[in-house]
Protein backbone atom coordinates (compact mmCIF):
# COMPACT_ATOMS: atom_id res chain seq x y z
CA MET A 1 2.88 30.26 -16.70
CA LYS A 2 -0.39 28.35 -16.31
CA VAL A 3 -0.25 24.56 -16.07
CA ILE A 4 -2.75 21.77 -15.46
CA LEU A 5 -1.72 19.20 -12.86
CA ARG A 6 -1.70 15.55 -13.96
CA GLN A 7 -0.84 14.26 -10.48
CA ASN A 8 -1.49 15.41 -6.95
CA TYR A 9 1.40 17.64 -5.94
CA GLU A 10 1.54 18.61 -2.29
CA SER A 11 2.47 22.27 -2.58
CA LEU A 12 0.41 23.01 -5.73
CA GLY A 13 -2.88 21.12 -5.70
CA GLN A 14 -4.85 18.12 -6.91
CA VAL A 15 -5.20 16.40 -10.28
CA GLY A 16 -6.88 18.67 -12.83
CA ASP A 17 -6.23 21.94 -11.01
CA LEU A 18 -5.21 24.92 -13.14
CA VAL A 19 -2.31 26.61 -11.32
CA GLU A 20 0.02 29.50 -11.97
CA VAL A 21 3.72 28.69 -11.51
CA LYS A 22 7.01 30.25 -12.53
CA GLU A 23 8.04 29.40 -16.07
CA GLY A 24 11.37 27.78 -15.08
CA PHE A 25 9.68 25.53 -12.50
CA ALA A 26 7.15 24.39 -15.08
CA ARG A 27 9.61 23.81 -17.93
CA ASN A 28 12.44 22.28 -15.90
CA PHE A 29 10.58 20.27 -13.27
CA LEU A 30 6.82 19.80 -13.68
CA ILE A 31 6.55 19.13 -17.42
CA PRO A 32 9.58 16.77 -17.80
CA ARG A 33 8.41 14.67 -14.84
CA LYS A 34 4.87 14.59 -16.31
CA ILE A 35 3.41 16.18 -13.21
CA ALA A 36 1.78 18.93 -15.28
CA TYR A 37 0.79 20.00 -18.81
CA THR A 38 0.85 23.48 -20.24
CA ALA A 39 -2.66 24.91 -20.14
CA LEU A 40 -3.73 24.43 -23.77
CA LYS A 41 -7.18 23.35 -24.99
CA GLY A 42 -5.93 20.01 -26.31
CA ASN A 43 -4.19 19.25 -23.03
CA ILE A 44 -7.37 19.96 -21.08
CA LEU A 45 -9.19 17.33 -23.16
CA ALA A 46 -6.34 14.84 -22.69
CA LEU A 47 -6.44 15.44 -18.93
CA ASP A 48 -10.17 14.68 -18.80
CA GLU A 49 -9.51 11.33 -20.47
CA GLU A 50 -6.64 10.64 -18.10
CA LYS A 51 -8.87 11.41 -15.09
CA LYS A 52 -11.34 8.77 -16.27
CA ASN A 53 -8.54 6.22 -16.57
CA ILE A 54 -7.22 7.07 -13.09
CA VAL A 55 -10.67 6.59 -11.56
CA LYS A 56 -11.09 3.21 -13.30
CA LYS A 57 -7.64 2.08 -12.17
CA LYS A 58 -8.33 3.07 -8.54
CA GLN A 59 -11.64 1.19 -8.58
CA GLN A 60 -9.92 -1.92 -9.94
CA GLU A 61 -7.20 -1.69 -7.27
CA ILE A 62 -9.78 -1.38 -4.49
CA HIS A 63 -11.83 -4.27 -5.89
CA SER A 64 -8.79 -6.57 -6.17
CA ALA A 65 -7.67 -5.57 -2.64
CA GLU A 66 -11.15 -6.35 -1.26
CA THR A 67 -11.23 -9.80 -2.89
CA LEU A 68 -7.73 -10.54 -1.58
CA ALA A 69 -8.76 -9.31 1.88
CA SER A 70 -11.79 -11.61 1.98
CA ALA A 71 -9.59 -14.56 0.96
CA ILE A 72 -6.82 -13.78 3.46
CA GLU A 73 -9.31 -13.23 6.29
CA LYS A 74 -9.97 -16.98 6.39
CA VAL A 75 -6.27 -17.87 6.55
CA SER A 76 -4.27 -18.54 9.69
CA VAL A 77 -0.53 -19.10 9.67
CA THR A 78 1.64 -21.10 12.03
CA ILE A 79 5.13 -19.89 12.84
CA PRO A 80 7.41 -22.37 14.63
CA VAL A 81 10.03 -20.68 16.83
CA GLN A 82 12.76 -21.76 19.20
CA VAL A 83 11.92 -21.14 22.83
CA GLY A 84 13.91 -21.12 26.03
CA GLU A 85 12.83 -21.45 29.62
CA GLU A 86 9.29 -20.39 30.50
CA ASP A 87 8.35 -20.49 26.78
CA LYS A 88 10.13 -17.25 25.91
CA ILE A 89 11.10 -16.81 22.28
CA PHE A 90 14.67 -16.17 21.24
CA GLY A 91 14.19 -12.79 19.51
CA SER A 92 10.71 -12.01 18.22
CA VAL A 93 8.38 -12.85 15.36
CA THR A 94 8.95 -10.38 12.52
CA THR A 95 6.80 -9.17 9.66
CA GLN A 96 9.16 -11.00 7.28
CA MET A 97 8.42 -14.31 9.00
CA ILE A 98 4.68 -13.69 8.65
CA ALA A 99 5.08 -12.69 4.99
CA ASP A 100 7.06 -15.88 4.31
CA ALA A 101 4.38 -18.00 6.01
CA LEU A 102 1.70 -16.31 3.90
CA LYS A 103 3.77 -16.90 0.77
CA GLU A 104 3.82 -20.63 1.56
CA LYS A 105 0.02 -20.51 1.62
CA GLY A 106 -0.02 -18.82 -1.81
CA TYR A 107 -0.47 -15.16 -0.82
CA ASP A 108 2.35 -12.83 -1.85
CA ILE A 109 2.08 -9.96 0.65
CA ASP A 110 4.78 -7.33 1.12
CA LYS A 111 6.17 -7.32 4.66
CA ARG A 112 5.66 -3.54 4.88
CA LYS A 113 1.90 -4.02 4.63
CA ILE A 114 1.84 -6.22 7.74
CA ASP A 115 1.28 -4.30 10.98
CA ILE A 116 2.39 -5.79 14.29
CA GLU A 117 1.26 -3.48 17.09
CA GLU A 118 3.48 -4.96 19.80
CA PRO A 119 6.50 -7.25 19.34
CA ILE A 120 5.57 -10.93 19.53
CA LYS A 121 7.91 -12.44 22.12
CA SER A 122 5.90 -15.37 23.50
CA LEU A 123 3.92 -18.36 22.29
CA GLY A 124 0.23 -17.92 21.55
CA ILE A 125 -2.36 -16.78 19.05
CA TYR A 126 -2.16 -13.22 17.75
CA GLY A 127 -4.41 -11.10 15.56
CA ILE A 128 -2.30 -9.28 12.98
CA SER A 129 -3.61 -6.57 10.69
CA ILE A 130 -2.63 -6.33 7.03
CA LYS A 131 -3.17 -3.11 5.10
CA LEU A 132 -3.64 -4.11 1.46
CA HIS A 133 -4.72 -0.67 0.21
CA PRO A 134 -5.16 2.71 1.92
CA ASN A 135 -8.90 1.95 2.16
CA VAL A 136 -8.76 -1.85 2.62
CA SER A 137 -7.30 -3.79 5.53
CA THR A 138 -7.88 -7.23 7.00
CA ASN A 139 -6.86 -9.35 9.97
CA ILE A 140 -5.29 -12.79 10.13
CA LYS A 141 -4.53 -15.17 12.98
CA VAL A 142 -0.90 -16.01 13.63
CA TRP A 143 -0.17 -19.08 15.74
CA VAL A 144 3.26 -18.91 17.34
CA VAL A 145 4.23 -22.45 18.39
CA ARG A 146 7.24 -24.29 19.78
CA GLU A 147 9.59 -25.65 17.07
């Protein structure tokens, strides 16, 4: 059975590809999950319209991520921590702590988007990268200070 993909599907192809699959796979999996359409003329026209909408949506997401990145770039957050002898932190600074500090400043960033290369276990200033979109990332300064 020939189907037109509505979404990228790893083992089949990209959006808009016309692929041949087994009838049961198409009827029981691809079509109910709206991953594919049956290859009819009307569906081809609907897919073209959907492609345009997907492109517009991606452009809007990238634009909003870029504006957020330029705003966050100017922000630095301070995280007060308890320290022991020789200014060593009890535990380490986590992505959740950074996300909470950003939230206090008015930026709601998911902790999974924050990338800490090495665990922060001492006082100081650190450059932390935040990946807002697969194509857009930014850096912020994190000040780790004594509580």
